[in-house]
Amino acid sequence: AVVIALSLAGTNHLILLWASIPAALATTIA
């Protein structure tokens, strides 16, 4: 949800890239 909200707020690609890493890890672990 944080990644999506950042994207909708127009955040730059680099920040979204770093935010996506923990989201992907948590998704995999779950």
Full PDB file with SEQRES, HELIX, SHEET, SSBOND, CRYST1, ORIGX, SCALE, CONECT and MASTER records, all heavy atoms in Angstrom:
SEQRES   1 A   30  ALA VAL VAL ILE ALA LEU SER LEU ALA GLY THR ASN HIS          
SEQRES   2 A   30  LEU ILE LEU LEU TRP ALA SER ILE PRO ALA ALA LEU ALA          
SEQRES   3 A   30  THR THR ILE ALA                                              
HELIX    1 AA1 VAL A    2  LEU A    8  1                                   7    
HELIX    2 AA2 HIS A   13  ILE A   29  1                                  17    
CRYST1    1.000    1.000    1.000  90.00  90.00  90.00 P 1           1          
ORIGX1      1.000000  0.000000  0.000000        0.00000                         
ORIGX2      0.000000  1.000000  0.000000        0.00000                         
ORIGX3      0.000000  0.000000  1.000000        0.00000                         
SCALE1      1.000000  0.000000  0.000000        0.00000                         
SCALE2      0.000000  1.000000  0.000000        0.00000                         
SCALE3      0.000000  0.000000  1.000000        0.00000                         
ATOM      1  N   ALA A   1       0.833  -1.207   0.000  1.00  0.00           N  
ATOM      2  CA  ALA A   1       0.000   0.000   0.000  1.00  0.00           C  
ATOM      3  C   ALA A   1       0.866   1.254   0.000  1.00  0.00           C  
ATOM      4  O   ALA A   1       0.535   2.252  -0.663  1.00  0.00           O  
ATOM      5  CB  ALA A   1      -0.931  -0.005   1.207  1.00  0.00           C  
ATOM      6  N   VAL A   2       1.985   1.216   0.723  1.00  0.00           N  
ATOM      7  CA  VAL A   2       2.907   2.358   0.752  1.00  0.00           C  
ATOM      8  C   VAL A   2       3.493   2.605  -0.645  1.00  0.00           C  
ATOM      9  O   VAL A   2       3.559   3.749  -1.110  1.00  0.00           O  
ATOM     10  CB  VAL A   2       4.039   2.117   1.771  1.00  0.00           C  
ATOM     11  CG1 VAL A   2       5.134   3.174   1.615  1.00  0.00           C  
ATOM     12  CG2 VAL A   2       3.490   2.135   3.192  1.00  0.00           C  
ATOM     13  N   VAL A   3       3.908   1.517  -1.305  1.00  0.00           N  
ATOM     14  CA  VAL A   3       4.463   1.647  -2.663  1.00  0.00           C  
ATOM     15  C   VAL A   3       3.441   2.260  -3.611  1.00  0.00           C  
ATOM     16  O   VAL A   3       3.753   3.173  -4.388  1.00  0.00           O  
ATOM     17  CB  VAL A   3       4.924   0.267  -3.178  1.00  0.00           C  
ATOM     18  CG1 VAL A   3       5.304   0.351  -4.663  1.00  0.00           C  
ATOM     19  CG2 VAL A   3       6.104  -0.245  -2.369  1.00  0.00           C  
ATOM     20  N   ILE A   4       2.211   1.767  -3.544  1.00  0.00           N  
ATOM     21  CA  ILE A   4       1.150   2.269  -4.426  1.00  0.00           C  
ATOM     22  C   ILE A   4       0.861   3.744  -4.130  1.00  0.00           C  
ATOM     23  O   ILE A   4       0.715   4.560  -5.050  1.00  0.00           O  
ATOM     24  CB  ILE A   4      -0.118   1.423  -4.274  1.00  0.00           C  
ATOM     25  CG1 ILE A   4       0.131   0.003  -4.793  1.00  0.00           C  
ATOM     26  CG2 ILE A   4      -1.295   2.058  -5.009  1.00  0.00           C  
ATOM     27  CD1 ILE A   4      -0.977  -0.979  -4.473  1.00  0.00           C  
ATOM     28  N   ALA A   5       0.773   4.096  -2.851  1.00  0.00           N  
ATOM     29  CA  ALA A   5       0.495   5.479  -2.472  1.00  0.00           C  
ATOM     30  C   ALA A   5       1.611   6.412  -2.944  1.00  0.00           C  
ATOM     31  O   ALA A   5       1.346   7.523  -3.422  1.00  0.00           O  
ATOM     32  CB  ALA A   5       0.320   5.584  -0.956  1.00  0.00           C  
ATOM     33  N   LEU A   6       2.855   5.961  -2.819  1.00  0.00           N  
ATOM     34  CA  LEU A   6       3.986   6.777  -3.292  1.00  0.00           C  
ATOM     35  C   LEU A   6       3.901   6.999  -4.795  1.00  0.00           C  
ATOM     36  O   LEU A   6       4.172   8.105  -5.294  1.00  0.00           O  
ATOM     37  CB  LEU A   6       5.308   6.099  -2.929  1.00  0.00           C  
ATOM     38  CG  LEU A   6       5.705   6.110  -1.453  1.00  0.00           C  
ATOM     39  CD1 LEU A   6       6.957   5.271  -1.229  1.00  0.00           C  
ATOM     40  CD2 LEU A   6       5.928   7.535  -0.960  1.00  0.00           C  
ATOM     41  N   SER A   7       3.536   5.959  -5.517  1.00  0.00           N  
ATOM     42  CA  SER A   7       3.402   6.090  -6.971  1.00  0.00           C  
ATOM     43  C   SER A   7       2.289   7.066  -7.326  1.00  0.00           C  
ATOM     44  O   SER A   7       2.454   7.926  -8.208  1.00  0.00           O  
ATOM     45  CB  SER A   7       3.108   4.719  -7.590  1.00  0.00           C  
ATOM     46  OG  SER A   7       2.843   4.827  -8.970  1.00  0.00           O  
ATOM     47  N   LEU A   8       1.155   6.944  -6.639  1.00  0.00           N  
ATOM     48  CA  LEU A   8       0.022   7.834  -6.914  1.00  0.00           C  
ATOM     49  C   LEU A   8       0.347   9.279  -6.556  1.00  0.00           C  
ATOM     50  O   LEU A   8      -0.260  10.210  -7.100  1.00  0.00           O  
ATOM     51  CB  LEU A   8      -1.202   7.365  -6.128  1.00  0.00           C  
ATOM     52  CG  LEU A   8      -1.807   6.018  -6.566  1.00  0.00           C  
ATOM     53  CD1 LEU A   8      -2.877   5.572  -5.579  1.00  0.00           C  
ATOM     54  CD2 LEU A   8      -2.388   6.120  -7.971  1.00  0.00           C  
ATOM     55  N   ALA A   9       1.292   9.471  -5.645  1.00  0.00           N  
ATOM     56  CA  ALA A   9       1.697  10.824  -5.257  1.00  0.00           C  
ATOM     57  C   ALA A   9       2.748  11.404  -6.197  1.00  0.00           C  
ATOM     58  O   ALA A   9       3.205  12.538  -6.004  1.00  0.00           O  
ATOM     59  CB  ALA A   9       2.224  10.816  -3.824  1.00  0.00           C  
ATOM     60  N   GLY A  10       3.157  10.627  -7.213  1.00  0.00           N  
ATOM     61  CA  GLY A  10       4.118  11.124  -8.189  1.00  0.00           C  
ATOM     62  C   GLY A  10       5.564  11.023  -7.753  1.00  0.00           C  
ATOM     63  O   GLY A  10       6.420  11.761  -8.240  1.00  0.00           O  
ATOM     64  N   THR A  11       5.855  10.076  -6.850  1.00  0.00           N  
ATOM     65  CA  THR A  11       7.224   9.902  -6.351  1.00  0.00           C  
ATOM     66  C   THR A  11       8.139   9.403  -7.464  1.00  0.00           C  
ATOM     67  O   THR A  11       7.719   8.635  -8.338  1.00  0.00           O  
ATOM     68  CB  THR A  11       7.235   8.888  -5.180  1.00  0.00           C  
ATOM     69  OG1 THR A  11       6.298   9.322  -4.197  1.00  0.00           O  
ATOM     70  CG2 THR A  11       8.609   8.783  -4.565  1.00  0.00           C  
ATOM     71  N   ASN A  12       9.413   9.810  -7.418  1.00  0.00           N  
ATOM     72  CA  ASN A  12      10.340   9.432  -8.485  1.00  0.00           C  
ATOM     73  C   ASN A  12      10.683   7.942  -8.435  1.00  0.00           C  
ATOM     74  O   ASN A  12      10.504   7.274  -7.416  1.00  0.00           O  
ATOM     75  CB  ASN A  12      11.616  10.286  -8.448  1.00  0.00           C  
ATOM     76  CG  ASN A  12      12.490   9.955  -7.245  1.00  0.00           C  
ATOM     77  OD1 ASN A  12      13.042   8.881  -7.123  1.00  0.00           O  
ATOM     78  ND2 ASN A  12      12.620  10.933  -6.340  1.00  0.00           N  
ATOM     79  N   HIS A  13      11.198   7.448  -9.538  1.00  0.00           N  
ATOM     80  CA  HIS A  13      11.406   6.010  -9.731  1.00  0.00           C  
ATOM     81  C   HIS A  13      12.385   5.410  -8.730  1.00  0.00           C  
ATOM     82  O   HIS A  13      12.196   4.279  -8.271  1.00  0.00           O  
ATOM     83  CB  HIS A  13      11.909   5.759 -11.151  1.00  0.00           C  
ATOM     84  CG  HIS A  13      12.201   4.320 -11.434  1.00  0.00           C  
ATOM     85  ND1 HIS A  13      11.206   3.373 -11.592  1.00  0.00           N  
ATOM     86  CD2 HIS A  13      13.380   3.653 -11.568  1.00  0.00           C  
ATOM     87  CE1 HIS A  13      11.750   2.193 -11.824  1.00  0.00           C  
ATOM     88  NE2 HIS A  13      13.067   2.344 -11.819  1.00  0.00           N  
ATOM     89  N   LEU A  14      13.426   6.153  -8.370  1.00  0.00           N  
ATOM     90  CA  LEU A  14      14.445   5.604  -7.474  1.00  0.00           C  
ATOM     91  C   LEU A  14      13.865   5.305  -6.095  1.00  0.00           C  
ATOM     92  O   LEU A  14      14.134   4.246  -5.503  1.00  0.00           O  
ATOM     93  CB  LEU A  14      15.617   6.585  -7.356  1.00  0.00           C  
ATOM     94  CG  LEU A  14      16.804   6.103  -6.511  1.00  0.00           C  
ATOM     95  CD1 LEU A  14      17.380   4.829  -7.099  1.00  0.00           C  
ATOM     96  CD2 LEU A  14      17.872   7.194  -6.415  1.00  0.00           C  
ATOM     97  N   ILE A  15      13.069   6.225  -5.571  1.00  0.00           N  
ATOM     98  CA  ILE A  15      12.436   6.006  -4.266  1.00  0.00           C  
ATOM     99  C   ILE A  15      11.474   4.826  -4.334  1.00  0.00           C  
ATOM    100  O   ILE A  15      11.429   3.983  -3.422  1.00  0.00           O  
ATOM    101  CB  ILE A  15      11.695   7.276  -3.809  1.00  0.00           C  
ATOM    102  CG1 ILE A  15      12.681   8.411  -3.546  1.00  0.00           C  
ATOM    103  CG2 ILE A  15      10.865   6.991  -2.551  1.00  0.00           C  
ATOM    104  CD1 ILE A  15      12.032   9.713  -3.150  1.00  0.00           C  
ATOM    105  N   LEU A  16      10.724   4.734  -5.418  1.00  0.00           N  
ATOM    106  CA  LEU A  16       9.790   3.614  -5.583  1.00  0.00           C  
ATOM    107  C   LEU A  16      10.536   2.286  -5.678  1.00  0.00           C  
ATOM    108  O   LEU A  16      10.063   1.262  -5.169  1.00  0.00           O  
ATOM    109  CB  LEU A  16       8.937   3.821  -6.836  1.00  0.00           C  
ATOM    110  CG  LEU A  16       7.808   4.831  -6.701  1.00  0.00           C  
ATOM    111  CD1 LEU A  16       7.180   5.111  -8.063  1.00  0.00           C  
ATOM    112  CD2 LEU A  16       6.759   4.327  -5.730  1.00  0.00           C  
ATOM    113  N   LEU A  17      11.681   2.309  -6.303  1.00  0.00           N  
ATOM    114  CA  LEU A  17      12.490   1.086  -6.420  1.00  0.00           C  
ATOM    115  C   LEU A  17      12.920   0.584  -5.058  1.00  0.00           C  
ATOM    116  O   LEU A  17      12.767  -0.608  -4.731  1.00  0.00           O  
ATOM    117  CB  LEU A  17      13.714   1.363  -7.303  1.00  0.00           C  
ATOM    118  CG  LEU A  17      14.707   0.199  -7.437  1.00  0.00           C  
ATOM    119  CD1 LEU A  17      14.032  -0.986  -8.114  1.00  0.00           C  
ATOM    120  CD2 LEU A  17      15.940   0.649  -8.234  1.00  0.00           C  
ATOM    121  N   TRP A  18      13.437   1.489  -4.225  1.00  0.00           N  
ATOM    122  CA  TRP A  18      13.882   1.090  -2.885  1.00  0.00           C  
ATOM    123  C   TRP A  18      12.705   0.705  -1.992  1.00  0.00           C  
ATOM    124  O   TRP A  18      12.818  -0.190  -1.150  1.00  0.00           O  
ATOM    125  CB  TRP A  18      14.683   2.219  -2.245  1.00  0.00           C  
ATOM    126  CG  TRP A  18      16.076   2.332  -2.789  1.00  0.00           C  
ATOM    127  CD1 TRP A  18      16.564   3.264  -3.656  1.00  0.00           C  
ATOM    128  CD2 TRP A  18      17.164   1.443  -2.513  1.00  0.00           C  
ATOM    129  NE1 TRP A  18      17.877   3.026  -3.935  1.00  0.00           N  
ATOM    130  CE2 TRP A  18      18.287   1.919  -3.243  1.00  0.00           C  
ATOM    131  CE3 TRP A  18      17.315   0.310  -1.719  1.00  0.00           C  
ATOM    132  CZ2 TRP A  18      19.519   1.282  -3.206  1.00  0.00           C  
ATOM    133  CZ3 TRP A  18      18.552  -0.325  -1.678  1.00  0.00           C  
ATOM    134  CH2 TRP A  18      19.625   0.165  -2.415  1.00  0.00           C  
ATOM    135  N   ALA A  19      11.567   1.361  -2.153  1.00  0.00           N  
ATOM    136  CA  ALA A  19      10.387   1.012  -1.363  1.00  0.00           C  
ATOM    137  C   ALA A  19       9.812  -0.339  -1.777  1.00  0.00           C  
ATOM    138  O   ALA A  19       9.199  -1.042  -0.961  1.00  0.00           O  
ATOM    139  CB  ALA A  19       9.321   2.099  -1.515  1.00  0.00           C  
ATOM    140  N   SER A  20      10.015  -0.708  -3.039  1.00  0.00           N  
ATOM    141  CA  SER A  20       9.465  -1.969  -3.542  1.00  0.00           C  
ATOM    142  C   SER A  20      10.220  -3.186  -3.021  1.00  0.00           C  
ATOM    143  O   SER A  20       9.648  -4.285  -2.939  1.00  0.00           O  
ATOM    144  CB  SER A  20       9.496  -1.969  -5.078  1.00  0.00           C  
ATOM    145  OG  SER A  20       8.682  -0.956  -5.606  1.00  0.00           O  
ATOM    146  N   ILE A  21      11.489  -3.014  -2.674  1.00  0.00           N  
ATOM    147  CA  ILE A  21      12.299  -4.162  -2.235  1.00  0.00           C  
ATOM    148  C   ILE A  21      11.754  -4.789  -0.955  1.00  0.00           C  
ATOM    149  O   ILE A  21      11.506  -6.004  -0.909  1.00  0.00           O  
ATOM    150  CB  ILE A  21      13.773  -3.747  -2.079  1.00  0.00           C  
ATOM    151  CG1 ILE A  21      14.355  -3.386  -3.452  1.00  0.00           C  
ATOM    152  CG2 ILE A  21      14.587  -4.860  -1.427  1.00  0.00           C  
ATOM    153  CD1 ILE A  21      15.769  -2.833  -3.403  1.00  0.00           C  
ATOM    154  N   PRO A  22      11.557  -4.027   0.151  1.00  0.00           N  
ATOM    155  CA  PRO A  22      10.988  -4.661   1.354  1.00  0.00           C  
ATOM    156  C   PRO A  22       9.567  -5.170   1.138  1.00  0.00           C  
ATOM    157  O   PRO A  22       9.170  -6.171   1.734  1.00  0.00           O  
ATOM    158  CB  PRO A  22      11.029  -3.538   2.400  1.00  0.00           C  
ATOM    159  CG  PRO A  22      11.115  -2.269   1.627  1.00  0.00           C  
ATOM    160  CD  PRO A  22      11.890  -2.610   0.401  1.00  0.00           C  
ATOM    161  N   ALA A  23       8.803  -4.500   0.265  1.00  0.00           N  
ATOM    162  CA  ALA A  23       7.438  -4.966  -0.019  1.00  0.00           C  
ATOM    163  C   ALA A  23       7.474  -6.330  -0.697  1.00  0.00           C  
ATOM    164  O   ALA A  23       6.679  -7.225  -0.372  1.00  0.00           O  
ATOM    165  CB  ALA A  23       6.715  -3.954  -0.892  1.00  0.00           C  
ATOM    166  N   ALA A  24       8.400  -6.501  -1.637  1.00  0.00           N  
ATOM    167  CA  ALA A  24       8.526  -7.782  -2.333  1.00  0.00           C  
ATOM    168  C   ALA A  24       9.011  -8.879  -1.390  1.00  0.00           C  
ATOM    169  O   ALA A  24       8.532 -10.022  -1.448  1.00  0.00           O  
ATOM    170  CB  ALA A  24       9.483  -7.644  -3.513  1.00  0.00           C  
ATOM    171  N   LEU A  25       9.945  -8.534  -0.509  1.00  0.00           N  
ATOM    172  CA  LEU A  25      10.448  -9.516   0.457  1.00  0.00           C  
ATOM    173  C   LEU A  25       9.345  -9.966   1.414  1.00  0.00           C  
ATOM    174  O   LEU A  25       9.181 -11.168   1.682  1.00  0.00           O  
ATOM    175  CB  LEU A  25      11.626  -8.925   1.241  1.00  0.00           C  
ATOM    176  CG  LEU A  25      12.934  -8.737   0.475  1.00  0.00           C  
ATOM    177  CD1 LEU A  25      13.962  -8.024   1.348  1.00  0.00           C  
ATOM    178  CD2 LEU A  25      13.483 -10.083   0.015  1.00  0.00           C  
ATOM    179  N   ALA A  26       8.574  -9.012   1.925  1.00  0.00           N  
ATOM    180  CA  ALA A  26       7.484  -9.345   2.841  1.00  0.00           C  
ATOM    181  C   ALA A  26       6.420 -10.184   2.136  1.00  0.00           C  
ATOM    182  O   ALA A  26       5.858 -11.122   2.716  1.00  0.00           O  
ATOM    183  CB  ALA A  26       6.861  -8.074   3.410  1.00  0.00           C  
ATOM    184  N   THR A  27       6.148  -9.851   0.883  1.00  0.00           N  
ATOM    185  CA  THR A  27       5.174 -10.612   0.101  1.00  0.00           C  
ATOM    186  C   THR A  27       5.628 -12.057  -0.083  1.00  0.00           C  
ATOM    187  O   THR A  27       4.841 -13.004   0.045  1.00  0.00           O  
ATOM    188  CB  THR A  27       4.963  -9.958  -1.279  1.00  0.00           C  
ATOM    189  OG1 THR A  27       4.459  -8.630  -1.093  1.00  0.00           O  
ATOM    190  CG2 THR A  27       3.991 -10.754  -2.127  1.00  0.00           C  
ATOM    191  N   THR A  28       6.921 -12.235  -0.361  1.00  0.00           N  
ATOM    192  CA  THR A  28       7.477 -13.576  -0.539  1.00  0.00           C  
ATOM    193  C   THR A  28       7.427 -14.373   0.756  1.00  0.00           C  
ATOM    194  O   THR A  28       7.036 -15.553   0.773  1.00  0.00           O  
ATOM    195  CB  THR A  28       8.933 -13.484  -1.038  1.00  0.00           C  
ATOM    196  OG1 THR A  28       8.966 -12.748  -2.267  1.00  0.00           O  
ATOM    197  CG2 THR A  28       9.512 -14.867  -1.263  1.00  0.00           C  
ATOM    198  N   ILE A  29       7.821 -13.748   1.869  1.00  0.00           N  
ATOM    199  CA  ILE A  29       7.819 -14.426   3.165  1.00  0.00           C  
ATOM    200  C   ILE A  29       6.400 -14.837   3.559  1.00  0.00           C  
ATOM    201  O   ILE A  29       6.160 -15.959   4.025  1.00  0.00           O  
ATOM    202  CB  ILE A  29       8.437 -13.517   4.246  1.00  0.00           C  
ATOM    203  CG1 ILE A  29       9.934 -13.309   3.975  1.00  0.00           C  
ATOM    204  CG2 ILE A  29       8.229 -14.112   5.640  1.00  0.00           C  
ATOM    205  CD1 ILE A  29      10.585 -12.287   4.872  1.00  0.00           C  
ATOM    206  N   ALA A  30       5.452 -13.923   3.355  1.00  0.00           N  
ATOM    207  CA  ALA A  30       4.058 -14.242   3.677  1.00  0.00           C  
ATOM    208  C   ALA A  30       3.564 -15.411   2.835  1.00  0.00           C  
ATOM    209  O   ALA A  30       2.886 -16.320   3.334  1.00  0.00           O  
ATOM    210  CB  ALA A  30       3.172 -13.019   3.445  1.00  0.00           C  
TER     211      ALA A  30                                                      
MASTER        0    0    0    2    0    0    0    6  210    1    0    3          
END                                                                             
